[in-house]
PDB file of N, CA and C in Angstrom:
ATOM      1  N   MET A   1     -78.114 -43.252  13.029  1.00  0.00           N
ATOM      2  CA  MET A   1     -77.512 -44.349  12.337  1.00  0.00           C
ATOM      3  C   MET A   1     -76.082 -43.953  11.979  1.00  0.00           C
ATOM      4  N   LYS A   2     -75.134 -44.838  12.233  1.00  0.00           N
ATOM      5  CA  LYS A   2     -73.737 -44.566  11.913  1.00  0.00           C
ATOM      6  C   LYS A   2     -73.209 -45.671  11.003  1.00  0.00           C
ATOM      7  N   VAL A   3     -72.523 -45.252   9.913  1.00  0.00           N
ATOM      8  CA  VAL A   3     -71.971 -46.198   8.945  1.00  0.00           C
ATOM      9  C   VAL A   3     -70.484 -45.917   8.799  1.00  0.00           C
ATOM     10  N   ASP A   4     -69.653 -46.944   9.021  1.00  0.00           N
ATOM     11  CA  ASP A   4     -68.197 -46.802   8.881  1.00  0.00           C
ATOM     12  C   ASP A   4     -67.766 -47.184   7.472  1.00  0.00           C
ATOM     13  N   GLY A   5     -68.068 -46.353   6.507  1.00  0.00           N
ATOM     14  CA  GLY A   5     -67.734 -46.614   5.110  1.00  0.00           C
ATOM     15  C   GLY A   5     -68.696 -45.854   4.221  1.00  0.00           C
ATOM     16  N   ASN A   6     -68.868 -46.337   2.991  1.00  0.00           N
ATOM     17  CA  ASN A   6     -69.811 -45.723   2.061  1.00  0.00           C
ATOM     18  C   ASN A   6     -71.196 -46.317   2.276  1.00  0.00           C
ATOM     19  N   PHE A   7     -72.247 -45.557   1.915  1.00  0.00           N
ATOM     20  CA  PHE A   7     -73.623 -46.018   2.113  1.00  0.00           C
ATOM     21  C   PHE A   7     -74.473 -45.564   0.941  1.00  0.00           C
ATOM     22  N   ILE A   8     -75.129 -46.518   0.271  1.00  0.00           N
ATOM     23  CA  ILE A   8     -76.017 -46.227  -0.846  1.00  0.00           C
ATOM     24  C   ILE A   8     -77.405 -46.729  -0.469  1.00  0.00           C
ATOM     25  N   THR A   9     -78.406 -45.844  -0.553  1.00  0.00           N
ATOM     26  CA  THR A   9     -79.771 -46.266  -0.240  1.00  0.00           C
ATOM     27  C   THR A   9     -80.579 -46.398  -1.532  1.00  0.00           C
ATOM     28  N   PRO A  10     -81.535 -47.320  -1.566  1.00  0.00           N
ATOM     29  CA  PRO A  10     -82.406 -47.413  -2.726  1.00  0.00           C
ATOM     30  C   PRO A  10     -83.422 -46.272  -2.710  1.00  0.00           C
ATOM     31  N   PRO A  11     -84.147 -46.078  -3.795  1.00  0.00           N
ATOM     32  CA  PRO A  11     -85.199 -45.049  -3.807  1.00  0.00           C
ATOM     33  C   PRO A  11     -86.239 -45.302  -2.709  1.00  0.00           C
ATOM     34  N   GLU A  12     -86.886 -44.226  -2.260  1.00  0.00           N
ATOM     35  CA  GLU A  12     -87.960 -44.294  -1.272  1.00  0.00           C
ATOM     36  C   GLU A  12     -87.511 -44.884   0.072  1.00  0.00           C
ATOM     37  N   THR A  13     -86.285 -44.586   0.490  1.00  0.00           N
ATOM     38  CA  THR A  13     -85.804 -45.012   1.806  1.00  0.00           C
ATOM     39  C   THR A  13     -86.148 -43.924   2.810  1.00  0.00           C
ATOM     40  N   HIS A  14     -86.684 -44.311   3.957  1.00  0.00           N
ATOM     41  CA  HIS A  14     -87.101 -43.338   4.963  1.00  0.00           C
ATOM     42  C   HIS A  14     -86.369 -43.613   6.275  1.00  0.00           C
ATOM     43  N   ILE A  15     -85.569 -42.648   6.697  1.00  0.00           N
ATOM     44  CA  ILE A  15     -84.783 -42.753   7.929  1.00  0.00           C
ATOM     45  C   ILE A  15     -85.285 -41.680   8.871  1.00  0.00           C
ATOM     46  N   TRP A  16     -85.727 -42.065  10.066  1.00  0.00           N
ATOM     47  CA  TRP A  16     -86.353 -41.121  10.987  1.00  0.00           C
ATOM     48  C   TRP A  16     -85.355 -40.259  11.735  1.00  0.00           C
ATOM     49  N   GLY A  17     -84.153 -40.773  11.997  1.00  0.00           N
ATOM     50  CA  GLY A  17     -83.197 -40.049  12.822  1.00  0.00           C
ATOM     51  C   GLY A  17     -82.061 -39.434  12.039  1.00  0.00           C
ATOM     52  N   ASN A  18     -80.905 -39.322  12.715  1.00  0.00           N
ATOM     53  CA  ASN A  18     -79.700 -38.741  12.137  1.00  0.00           C
ATOM     54  C   ASN A  18     -78.895 -39.802  11.397  1.00  0.00           C
ATOM     55  N   VAL A  19     -78.087 -39.352  10.418  1.00  0.00           N
ATOM     56  CA  VAL A  19     -77.237 -40.255   9.648  1.00  0.00           C
ATOM     57  C   VAL A  19     -75.813 -39.712   9.662  1.00  0.00           C
ATOM     58  N   VAL A  20     -74.857 -40.556  10.095  1.00  0.00           N
ATOM     59  CA  VAL A  20     -73.439 -40.202  10.080  1.00  0.00           C
ATOM     60  C   VAL A  20     -72.723 -41.272   9.263  1.00  0.00           C
ATOM     61  N   VAL A  21     -72.091 -40.852   8.156  1.00  0.00           N
ATOM     62  CA  VAL A  21     -71.424 -41.781   7.247  1.00  0.00           C
ATOM     63  C   VAL A  21     -69.961 -41.372   7.129  1.00  0.00           C
ATOM     64  N   ALA A  22     -69.037 -42.318   7.361  1.00  0.00           N
ATOM     65  CA  ALA A  22     -67.609 -42.017   7.298  1.00  0.00           C
ATOM     66  C   ALA A  22     -67.148 -41.751   5.865  1.00  0.00           C
ATOM     67  N   GLY A  23     -67.834 -42.312   4.873  1.00  0.00           N
ATOM     68  CA  GLY A  23     -67.459 -42.145   3.472  1.00  0.00           C
ATOM     69  C   GLY A  23     -68.486 -41.357   2.694  1.00  0.00           C
ATOM     70  N   CYS A  24     -68.804 -41.876   1.501  1.00  0.00           N
ATOM     71  CA  CYS A  24     -69.769 -41.226   0.611  1.00  0.00           C
ATOM     72  C   CYS A  24     -71.177 -41.763   0.867  1.00  0.00           C
ATOM     73  N   LEU A  25     -72.146 -40.862   0.910  1.00  0.00           N
ATOM     74  CA  LEU A  25     -73.556 -41.243   1.034  1.00  0.00           C
ATOM     75  C   LEU A  25     -74.256 -40.926  -0.273  1.00  0.00           C
ATOM     76  N   GLU A  26     -74.957 -41.918  -0.830  1.00  0.00           N
ATOM     77  CA  GLU A  26     -75.806 -41.709  -2.000  1.00  0.00           C
ATOM     78  C   GLU A  26     -77.225 -42.000  -1.559  1.00  0.00           C
ATOM     79  N   LEU A  27     -78.015 -40.936  -1.409  1.00  0.00           N
ATOM     80  CA  LEU A  27     -79.388 -41.041  -0.934  1.00  0.00           C
ATOM     81  C   LEU A  27     -80.315 -41.174  -2.134  1.00  0.00           C
ATOM     82  N   GLY A  28     -81.049 -42.275  -2.197  1.00  0.00           N
ATOM     83  CA  GLY A  28     -81.908 -42.578  -3.340  1.00  0.00           C
ATOM     84  C   GLY A  28     -83.027 -41.569  -3.542  1.00  0.00           C
ATOM     85  N   SER A  29     -83.568 -41.530  -4.737  1.00  0.00           N
ATOM     86  CA  SER A  29     -84.634 -40.583  -5.076  1.00  0.00           C
ATOM     87  C   SER A  29     -85.876 -40.837  -4.232  1.00  0.00           C
ATOM     88  N   GLY A  30     -86.542 -39.761  -3.857  1.00  0.00           N
ATOM     89  CA  GLY A  30     -87.760 -39.854  -3.075  1.00  0.00           C
ATOM     90  C   GLY A  30     -87.560 -40.246  -1.624  1.00  0.00           C
ATOM     91  N   SER A  31     -86.331 -40.291  -1.157  1.00  0.00           N
ATOM     92  CA  SER A  31     -86.036 -40.683   0.222  1.00  0.00           C
ATOM     93  C   SER A  31     -86.232 -39.520   1.183  1.00  0.00           C
ATOM     94  N   THR A  32     -86.372 -39.830   2.469  1.00  0.00           N
ATOM     95  CA  THR A  32     -86.468 -38.798   3.497  1.00  0.00           C
ATOM     96  C   THR A  32     -85.537 -39.138   4.654  1.00  0.00           C
ATOM     97  N   VAL A  33     -84.999 -38.077   5.260  1.00  0.00           N
ATOM     98  CA  VAL A  33     -84.196 -38.211   6.476  1.00  0.00           C
ATOM     99  C   VAL A  33     -84.758 -37.210   7.471  1.00  0.00           C
ATOM    100  N   GLY A  34     -85.124 -37.687   8.665  1.00  0.00           N
ATOM    101  CA  GLY A  34     -85.766 -36.838   9.663  1.00  0.00           C
ATOM    102  C   GLY A  34     -84.819 -35.976  10.461  1.00  0.00           C
ATOM    103  N   GLY A  35     -83.526 -36.317  10.489  1.00  0.00           N
ATOM    104  CA  GLY A  35     -82.552 -35.559  11.276  1.00  0.00           C
ATOM    105  C   GLY A  35     -81.461 -34.973  10.407  1.00  0.00           C
ATOM    106  N   PHE A  36     -80.282 -34.779  11.016  1.00  0.00           N
ATOM    107  CA  PHE A  36     -79.146 -34.218  10.272  1.00  0.00           C
ATOM    108  C   PHE A  36     -78.381 -35.333   9.569  1.00  0.00           C
ATOM    109  N   ILE A  37     -77.521 -34.914   8.613  1.00  0.00           N
ATOM    110  CA  ILE A  37     -76.634 -35.846   7.918  1.00  0.00           C
ATOM    111  C   ILE A  37     -75.217 -35.301   7.990  1.00  0.00           C
ATOM    112  N   GLU A  38     -74.264 -36.170   8.339  1.00  0.00           N
ATOM    113  CA  GLU A  38     -72.840 -35.858   8.256  1.00  0.00           C
ATOM    114  C   GLU A  38     -72.195 -36.937   7.405  1.00  0.00           C
ATOM    115  N   ALA A  39     -71.365 -36.511   6.419  1.00  0.00           N
ATOM    116  CA  ALA A  39     -70.703 -37.470   5.536  1.00  0.00           C
ATOM    117  C   ALA A  39     -69.466 -36.835   4.918  1.00  0.00           C
ATOM    118  N   GLU A  40     -68.618 -37.675   4.333  1.00  0.00           N
ATOM    119  CA  GLU A  40     -67.442 -37.192   3.615  1.00  0.00           C
ATOM    120  C   GLU A  40     -67.879 -36.488   2.334  1.00  0.00           C
ATOM    121  N   SER A  41     -68.779 -37.113   1.575  1.00  0.00           N
ATOM    122  CA  SER A  41     -69.370 -36.517   0.381  1.00  0.00           C
ATOM    123  C   SER A  41     -70.778 -37.097   0.229  1.00  0.00           C
ATOM    124  N   ILE A  42     -71.602 -36.433  -0.592  1.00  0.00           N
ATOM    125  CA  ILE A  42     -72.997 -36.872  -0.712  1.00  0.00           C
ATOM    126  C   ILE A  42     -73.543 -36.598  -2.101  1.00  0.00           C
ATOM    127  N   VAL A  43     -74.441 -37.497  -2.533  1.00  0.00           N
ATOM    128  CA  VAL A  43     -75.288 -37.275  -3.696  1.00  0.00           C
ATOM    129  C   VAL A  43     -76.713 -37.496  -3.204  1.00  0.00           C
ATOM    130  N   VAL A  44     -77.539 -36.466  -3.305  1.00  0.00           N
ATOM    131  CA  VAL A  44     -78.934 -36.547  -2.869  1.00  0.00           C
ATOM    132  C   VAL A  44     -79.790 -36.722  -4.111  1.00  0.00           C
ATOM    133  N   GLY A  45     -80.546 -37.815  -4.175  1.00  0.00           N
ATOM    134  CA  GLY A  45     -81.384 -38.120  -5.326  1.00  0.00           C
ATOM    135  C   GLY A  45     -82.533 -37.137  -5.490  1.00  0.00           C
ATOM    136  N   HIS A  46     -83.139 -37.142  -6.673  1.00  0.00           N
ATOM    137  CA  HIS A  46     -84.238 -36.205  -6.955  1.00  0.00           C
ATOM    138  C   HIS A  46     -85.425 -36.479  -6.027  1.00  0.00           C
ATOM    139  N   ASP A  47     -86.117 -35.401  -5.682  1.00  0.00           N
ATOM    140  CA  ASP A  47     -87.315 -35.427  -4.840  1.00  0.00           C
ATOM    141  C   ASP A  47     -87.081 -35.947  -3.419  1.00  0.00           C
ATOM    142  N   ALA A  48     -85.844 -35.942  -2.954  1.00  0.00           N
ATOM    143  CA  ALA A  48     -85.544 -36.362  -1.571  1.00  0.00           C
ATOM    144  C   ALA A  48     -85.808 -35.199  -0.617  1.00  0.00           C
ATOM    145  N   LYS A  49     -86.050 -35.526   0.655  1.00  0.00           N
ATOM    146  CA  LYS A  49     -86.295 -34.502   1.676  1.00  0.00           C
ATOM    147  C   LYS A  49     -85.406 -34.777   2.869  1.00  0.00           C
ATOM    148  N   ILE A  50     -84.651 -33.750   3.283  1.00  0.00           N
ATOM    149  CA  ILE A  50     -83.786 -33.855   4.460  1.00  0.00           C
ATOM    150  C   ILE A  50     -84.204 -32.746   5.416  1.00  0.00           C
ATOM    151  N   LYS A  51     -84.735 -33.128   6.576  1.00  0.00           N
ATOM    152  CA  LYS A  51     -85.313 -32.155   7.499  1.00  0.00           C
ATOM    153  C   LYS A  51     -84.292 -31.468   8.392  1.00  0.00           C
ATOM    154  N   GLY A  52     -83.107 -32.048   8.552  1.00  0.00           N
ATOM    155  CA  GLY A  52     -82.061 -31.442   9.376  1.00  0.00           C
ATOM    156  C   GLY A  52     -80.924 -30.912   8.528  1.00  0.00           C
ATOM    157  N   PRO A  53     -79.928 -30.287   9.164  1.00  0.00           N
ATOM    158  CA  PRO A  53     -78.781 -29.745   8.431  1.00  0.00           C
ATOM    159  C   PRO A  53     -77.942 -30.837   7.768  1.00  0.00           C
ATOM    160  N   LEU A  54     -77.311 -30.473   6.668  1.00  0.00           N
ATOM    161  CA  LEU A  54     -76.409 -31.347   5.933  1.00  0.00           C
ATOM    162  C   LEU A  54     -74.999 -30.810   6.140  1.00  0.00           C
ATOM    163  N   ARG A  55     -74.110 -31.589   6.787  1.00  0.00           N
ATOM    164  CA  ARG A  55     -72.730 -31.169   7.036  1.00  0.00           C
ATOM    165  C   ARG A  55     -71.804 -32.153   6.335  1.00  0.00           C
ATOM    166  N   ILE A  56     -71.122 -31.636   5.283  1.00  0.00           N
ATOM    167  CA  ILE A  56     -70.320 -32.480   4.412  1.00  0.00           C
ATOM    168  C   ILE A  56     -68.882 -31.976   4.401  1.00  0.00           C
ATOM    169  N   LYS A  57     -67.908 -32.889   4.538  1.00  0.00           N
ATOM    170  CA  LYS A  57     -66.492 -32.500   4.524  1.00  0.00           C
ATOM    171  C   LYS A  57     -66.016 -32.179   3.112  1.00  0.00           C
ATOM    172  N   GLY A  58     -66.528 -32.906   2.115  1.00  0.00           N
ATOM    173  CA  GLY A  58     -66.100 -32.723   0.733  1.00  0.00           C
ATOM    174  C   GLY A  58     -67.179 -32.116  -0.132  1.00  0.00           C
ATOM    175  N   THR A  59     -67.513 -32.829  -1.229  1.00  0.00           N
ATOM    176  CA  THR A  59     -68.451 -32.309  -2.217  1.00  0.00           C
ATOM    177  C   THR A  59     -69.885 -32.781  -1.961  1.00  0.00           C
ATOM    178  N   ALA A  60     -70.844 -31.976  -2.434  1.00  0.00           N
ATOM    179  CA  ALA A  60     -72.262 -32.316  -2.324  1.00  0.00           C
ATOM    180  C   ALA A  60     -72.943 -32.057  -3.661  1.00  0.00           C
ATOM    181  N   THR A  61     -73.712 -33.033  -4.129  1.00  0.00           N
ATOM    182  CA  THR A  61     -74.514 -32.887  -5.338  1.00  0.00           C
ATOM    183  C   THR A  61     -75.967 -33.104  -4.947  1.00  0.00           C
ATOM    184  N   ILE A  62     -76.794 -32.108  -5.200  1.00  0.00           N
ATOM    185  CA  ILE A  62     -78.204 -32.160  -4.831  1.00  0.00           C
ATOM    186  C   ILE A  62     -79.021 -32.188  -6.124  1.00  0.00           C
ATOM    187  N   CYS A  63     -79.727 -33.284  -6.355  1.00  0.00           N
ATOM    188  CA  CYS A  63     -80.455 -33.469  -7.614  1.00  0.00           C
ATOM    189  C   CYS A  63     -81.818 -32.770  -7.617  1.00  0.00           C
ATOM    190  N   ASP A  64     -82.463 -32.791  -8.753  1.00  0.00           N
ATOM    191  CA  ASP A  64     -83.688 -32.041  -9.042  1.00  0.00           C
ATOM    192  C   ASP A  64     -84.774 -32.204  -7.970  1.00  0.00           C
ATOM    193  N   ASN A  65     -85.364 -31.062  -7.607  1.00  0.00           N
ATOM    194  CA  ASN A  65     -86.540 -30.984  -6.732  1.00  0.00           C
ATOM    195  C   ASN A  65     -86.328 -31.531  -5.323  1.00  0.00           C
ATOM    196  N   ALA A  66     -85.092 -31.644  -4.874  1.00  0.00           N
ATOM    197  CA  ALA A  66     -84.838 -32.071  -3.492  1.00  0.00           C
ATOM    198  C   ALA A  66     -85.139 -30.908  -2.550  1.00  0.00           C
ATOM    199  N   SER A  67     -85.510 -31.231  -1.323  1.00  0.00           N
ATOM    200  CA  SER A  67     -85.839 -30.221  -0.320  1.00  0.00           C
ATOM    201  C   SER A  67     -84.953 -30.457   0.901  1.00  0.00           C
ATOM    202  N   LEU A  68     -84.179 -29.426   1.289  1.00  0.00           N
ATOM    203  CA  LEU A  68     -83.226 -29.569   2.384  1.00  0.00           C
ATOM    204  C   LEU A  68     -83.331 -28.416   3.363  1.00  0.00           C
ATOM    205  N   HIS A  69     -82.951 -28.683   4.590  1.00  0.00           N
ATOM    206  CA  HIS A  69     -82.931 -27.649   5.638  1.00  0.00           C
ATOM    207  C   HIS A  69     -81.808 -26.656   5.358  1.00  0.00           C
ATOM    208  N   SER A  70     -80.558 -27.147   5.261  1.00  0.00           N
ATOM    209  CA  SER A  70     -79.391 -26.303   4.979  1.00  0.00           C
ATOM    210  C   SER A  70     -78.220 -27.202   4.579  1.00  0.00           C
ATOM    211  N   ILE A  71     -77.197 -26.587   3.959  1.00  0.00           N
ATOM    212  CA  ILE A  71     -76.017 -27.332   3.526  1.00  0.00           C
ATOM    213  C   ILE A  71     -74.772 -26.577   3.959  1.00  0.00           C
ATOM    214  N   GLN A  72     -73.820 -27.309   4.539  1.00  0.00           N
ATOM    215  CA  GLN A  72     -72.495 -26.769   4.822  1.00  0.00           C
ATOM    216  C   GLN A  72     -71.497 -27.789   4.302  1.00  0.00           C
ATOM    217  N   ALA A  73     -70.620 -27.367   3.365  1.00  0.00           N
ATOM    218  CA  ALA A  73     -69.682 -28.298   2.753  1.00  0.00           C
ATOM    219  C   ALA A  73     -68.290 -27.692   2.647  1.00  0.00           C
ATOM    220  N   GLY A  74     -67.287 -28.543   2.733  1.00  0.00           N
ATOM    221  CA  GLY A  74     -65.897 -28.117   2.583  1.00  0.00           C
ATOM    222  C   GLY A  74     -65.467 -28.060   1.131  1.00  0.00           C
ATOM    223  N   GLY A  75     -66.212 -28.729   0.252  1.00  0.00           N
ATOM    224  CA  GLY A  75     -65.893 -28.753  -1.175  1.00  0.00           C
ATOM    225  C   GLY A  75     -66.977 -28.082  -1.995  1.00  0.00           C
ATOM    226  N   ASN A  76     -66.986 -28.402  -3.288  1.00  0.00           N
ATOM    227  CA  ASN A  76     -67.985 -27.829  -4.199  1.00  0.00           C
ATOM    228  C   ASN A  76     -69.386 -28.352  -3.889  1.00  0.00           C
ATOM    229  N   ILE A  77     -70.374 -27.505  -4.155  1.00  0.00           N
ATOM    230  CA  ILE A  77     -71.774 -27.889  -4.026  1.00  0.00           C
ATOM    231  C   ILE A  77     -72.438 -27.671  -5.380  1.00  0.00           C
ATOM    232  N   THR A  78     -73.153 -28.682  -5.868  1.00  0.00           N
ATOM    233  CA  THR A  78     -73.909 -28.570  -7.107  1.00  0.00           C
ATOM    234  C   THR A  78     -75.392 -28.646  -6.780  1.00  0.00           C
ATOM    235  N   LEU A  79     -76.148 -27.629  -7.216  1.00  0.00           N
ATOM    236  CA  LEU A  79     -77.589 -27.574  -6.998  1.00  0.00           C
ATOM    237  C   LEU A  79     -78.293 -27.670  -8.345  1.00  0.00           C
ATOM    238  N   ARG A  80     -79.157 -28.676  -8.517  1.00  0.00           N
ATOM    239  CA  ARG A  80     -79.876 -28.894  -9.757  1.00  0.00           C
ATOM    240  C   ARG A  80     -81.221 -28.155  -9.735  1.00  0.00           C
ATOM    241  N   PRO A  81     -81.924 -28.079 -10.866  1.00  0.00           N
ATOM    242  CA  PRO A  81     -83.182 -27.323 -10.929  1.00  0.00           C
ATOM    243  C   PRO A  81     -84.231 -27.797  -9.914  1.00  0.00           C
ATOM    244  N   GLY A  82     -84.940 -26.832  -9.334  1.00  0.00           N
ATOM    245  CA  GLY A  82     -86.037 -27.126  -8.437  1.00  0.00           C
ATOM    246  C   GLY A  82     -85.657 -27.380  -6.993  1.00  0.00           C
ATOM    247  N   VAL A  83     -84.364 -27.321  -6.679  1.00  0.00           N
ATOM    248  CA  VAL A  83     -83.929 -27.566  -5.301  1.00  0.00           C
ATOM    249  C   VAL A  83     -84.436 -26.452  -4.390  1.00  0.00           C
ATOM    250  N   ARG A  84     -84.940 -26.838  -3.212  1.00  0.00           N
ATOM    251  CA  ARG A  84     -85.380 -25.892  -2.183  1.00  0.00           C
ATOM    252  C   ARG A  84     -84.517 -26.131  -0.950  1.00  0.00           C
ATOM    253  N   VAL A  85     -83.816 -25.079  -0.509  1.00  0.00           N
ATOM    254  CA  VAL A  85     -82.873 -25.228   0.600  1.00  0.00           C
ATOM    255  C   VAL A  85     -82.765 -23.911   1.363  1.00  0.00           C
ATOM    256  N   GLY A  86     -82.434 -23.988   2.642  1.00  0.00           N
ATOM    257  CA  GLY A  86     -82.203 -22.784   3.438  1.00  0.00           C
ATOM    258  C   GLY A  86     -80.837 -22.210   3.108  1.00  0.00           C
ATOM    259  N   ASP A  87     -79.984 -22.040   4.091  1.00  0.00           N
ATOM    260  CA  ASP A  87     -78.635 -21.509   3.873  1.00  0.00           C
ATOM    261  C   ASP A  87     -77.737 -22.552   3.212  1.00  0.00           C
ATOM    262  N   VAL A  88     -76.898 -22.082   2.273  1.00  0.00           N
ATOM    263  CA  VAL A  88     -75.911 -22.935   1.607  1.00  0.00           C
ATOM    264  C   VAL A  88     -74.547 -22.294   1.812  1.00  0.00           C
ATOM    265  N   ASN A  89     -73.637 -23.016   2.492  1.00  0.00           N
ATOM    266  CA  ASN A  89     -72.284 -22.516   2.757  1.00  0.00           C
ATOM    267  C   ASN A  89     -71.265 -23.499   2.201  1.00  0.00           C
ATOM    268  N   SER A  90     -70.314 -22.986   1.408  1.00  0.00           N
ATOM    269  CA  SER A  90     -69.277 -23.831   0.837  1.00  0.00           C
ATOM    270  C   SER A  90     -67.920 -23.146   0.976  1.00  0.00           C
ATOM    271  N   ALA A  91     -66.904 -23.943   1.298  1.00  0.00           N
ATOM    272  CA  ALA A  91     -65.547 -23.418   1.331  1.00  0.00           C
ATOM    273  C   ALA A  91     -65.002 -23.264  -0.089  1.00  0.00           C
ATOM    274  N   GLU A  92     -65.677 -23.854  -1.062  1.00  0.00           N
ATOM    275  CA  GLU A  92     -65.265 -23.791  -2.463  1.00  0.00           C
ATOM    276  C   GLU A  92     -66.355 -23.117  -3.303  1.00  0.00           C
ATOM    277  N   THR A  93     -66.710 -23.712  -4.440  1.00  0.00           N
ATOM    278  CA  THR A  93     -67.648 -23.103  -5.392  1.00  0.00           C
ATOM    279  C   THR A  93     -69.033 -23.734  -5.289  1.00  0.00           C
ATOM    280  N   ILE A  94     -70.068 -22.900  -5.436  1.00  0.00           N
ATOM    281  CA  ILE A  94     -71.444 -23.382  -5.516  1.00  0.00           C
ATOM    282  C   ILE A  94     -71.880 -23.254  -6.971  1.00  0.00           C
ATOM    283  N   TYR A  95     -72.261 -24.381  -7.578  1.00  0.00           N
ATOM    284  CA  TYR A  95     -72.735 -24.404  -8.954  1.00  0.00           C
ATOM    285  C   TYR A  95     -74.249 -24.532  -8.932  1.00  0.00           C
ATOM    286  N   VAL A  96     -74.939 -23.577  -9.567  1.00  0.00           N
ATOM    287  CA  VAL A  96     -76.397 -23.572  -9.600  1.00  0.00           C
ATOM    288  C   VAL A  96     -76.844 -23.777 -11.042  1.00  0.00           C
ATOM    289  N   TYR A  97     -77.620 -24.858 -11.269  1.00  0.00           N
ATOM    290  CA  TYR A  97     -78.141 -25.159 -12.607  1.00  0.00           C
ATOM    291  C   TYR A  97     -79.641 -24.952 -12.591  1.00  0.00           C
ATOM    292  N   GLY A  98     -80.145 -24.005 -13.376  1.00  0.00           N
ATOM    293  CA  GLY A  98     -81.573 -23.732 -13.418  1.00  0.00           C
ATOM    294  C   GLY A  98     -82.036 -22.962 -12.191  1.00  0.00           C
ATOM    295  N   LYS A  99     -83.353 -22.972 -11.960  1.00  0.00           N
ATOM    296  CA  LYS A  99     -83.938 -22.194 -10.874  1.00  0.00           C
ATOM    297  C   LYS A  99     -83.958 -22.999  -9.571  1.00  0.00           C
ATOM    298  N   VAL A 100     -83.365 -22.424  -8.527  1.00  0.00           N
ATOM    299  CA  VAL A 100     -83.398 -23.024  -7.197  1.00  0.00           C
ATOM    300  C   VAL A 100     -83.944 -21.993  -6.213  1.00  0.00           C
ATOM    301  N   THR A 101     -84.442 -22.462  -5.079  1.00  0.00           N
ATOM    302  CA  THR A 101     -84.939 -21.580  -4.032  1.00  0.00           C
ATOM    303  C   THR A 101     -84.020 -21.732  -2.831  1.00  0.00           C
ATOM    304  N   SER A 102     -83.391 -20.612  -2.404  1.00  0.00           N
ATOM    305  CA  SER A 102     -82.465 -20.661  -1.284  1.00  0.00           C
ATOM    306  C   SER A 102     -82.532 -19.358  -0.507  1.00  0.00           C
ATOM    307  N   GLU A 103     -82.340 -19.452   0.811  1.00  0.00           N
ATOM    308  CA  GLU A 103     -82.304 -18.239   1.622  1.00  0.00           C
ATOM    309  C   GLU A 103     -81.007 -17.469   1.412  1.00  0.00           C
ATOM    310  N   ARG A 104     -79.874 -18.218   1.310  1.00  0.00           N
ATOM    311  CA  ARG A 104     -78.588 -17.557   1.175  1.00  0.00           C
ATOM    312  C   ARG A 104     -77.579 -18.516   0.564  1.00  0.00           C
ATOM    313  N   LEU A 105     -76.797 -18.028  -0.396  1.00  0.00           N
ATOM    314  CA  LEU A 105     -75.701 -18.797  -0.992  1.00  0.00           C
ATOM    315  C   LEU A 105     -74.397 -18.116  -0.620  1.00  0.00           C
ATOM    316  N   PHE A 106     -73.522 -18.822   0.087  1.00  0.00           N
ATOM    317  CA  PHE A 106     -72.261 -18.243   0.497  1.00  0.00           C
ATOM    318  C   PHE A 106     -71.140 -19.226   0.208  1.00  0.00           C
ATOM    319  N   GLY A 107     -70.240 -18.847  -0.718  1.00  0.00           N
ATOM    320  CA  GLY A 107     -69.119 -19.698  -1.080  1.00  0.00           C
ATOM    321  C   GLY A 107     -67.987 -18.852  -1.632  1.00  0.00           C
ATOM    322  N   ARG A 108     -66.877 -19.511  -1.935  1.00  0.00           N
ATOM    323  CA  ARG A 108     -65.749 -18.801  -2.534  1.00  0.00           C
ATOM    324  C   ARG A 108     -66.177 -18.181  -3.855  1.00  0.00           C
ATOM    325  N   ALA A 109     -67.027 -18.922  -4.597  1.00  0.00           N
ATOM    326  CA  ALA A 109     -67.602 -18.420  -5.849  1.00  0.00           C
ATOM    327  C   ALA A 109     -68.975 -19.060  -6.017  1.00  0.00           C
ATOM    328  N   VAL A 110     -69.870 -18.351  -6.704  1.00  0.00           N
ATOM    329  CA  VAL A 110     -71.182 -18.902  -7.044  1.00  0.00           C
ATOM    330  C   VAL A 110     -71.341 -18.757  -8.547  1.00  0.00           C
ATOM    331  N   LYS A 111     -71.523 -19.899  -9.228  1.00  0.00           N
ATOM    332  CA  LYS A 111     -71.674 -19.886 -10.686  1.00  0.00           C
ATOM    333  C   LYS A 111     -73.061 -20.386 -11.037  1.00  0.00           C
ATOM    334  N   VAL A 112     -73.777 -19.577 -11.856  1.00  0.00           N
ATOM    335  CA  VAL A 112     -75.147 -19.894 -12.220  1.00  0.00           C
ATOM    336  C   VAL A 112     -75.191 -20.233 -13.714  1.00  0.00           C
ATOM    337  N   TYR A 113     -75.841 -21.359 -14.026  1.00  0.00           N
ATOM    338  CA  TYR A 113     -75.969 -21.822 -15.415  1.00  0.00           C
ATOM    339  C   TYR A 113     -77.438 -22.059 -15.736  1.00  0.00           C
ATOM    340  N   GLY A 114     -77.796 -21.932 -17.001  1.00  0.00           N
ATOM    341  CA  GLY A 114     -79.121 -22.322 -17.465  1.00  0.00           C
ATOM    342  C   GLY A 114     -80.203 -21.312 -17.169  1.00  0.00           C
ATOM    343  N   ASN A 115     -81.440 -21.727 -17.474  1.00  0.00           N
ATOM    344  CA  ASN A 115     -82.580 -20.848 -17.359  1.00  0.00           C
ATOM    345  C   ASN A 115     -83.244 -21.009 -16.045  1.00  0.00           C
TER     346      ASN A 115
END
C-alpha cells in the first residue's frame, strides 16, 4: 500500500502487506502490519504488531507493548514500556522509558528513564 501524504489508521487495523507513506504514519492501537513500513515519521499505537522492518527517515515513537521486527530511523526513537523489538538503529538518540526487550540498541546516544 502506498500513500502520498500522511496516514492515520483507527485501532485494530490489519494490513497484510507492505506500507509506504510519504508523510507521517500513525498506526492505531492493536493494529498489525504483515510486511515492512517506510515513512517520514511514525507513531505506533500500543499493542501493535509489525512483522517486517520499520524504515523511518525522521522520528519514531513506539507505544507500550508494541512488537516489532526492527527499527531504522534517521531521527530520534522513543521506546515505551513493554516494547519488544529486534535491532534498533538511530542516527540520533534512542529514548527508552521503562523495561523494553531488544536485541541491540545502536544510536548516537541511548538514554534510559524509569524503572
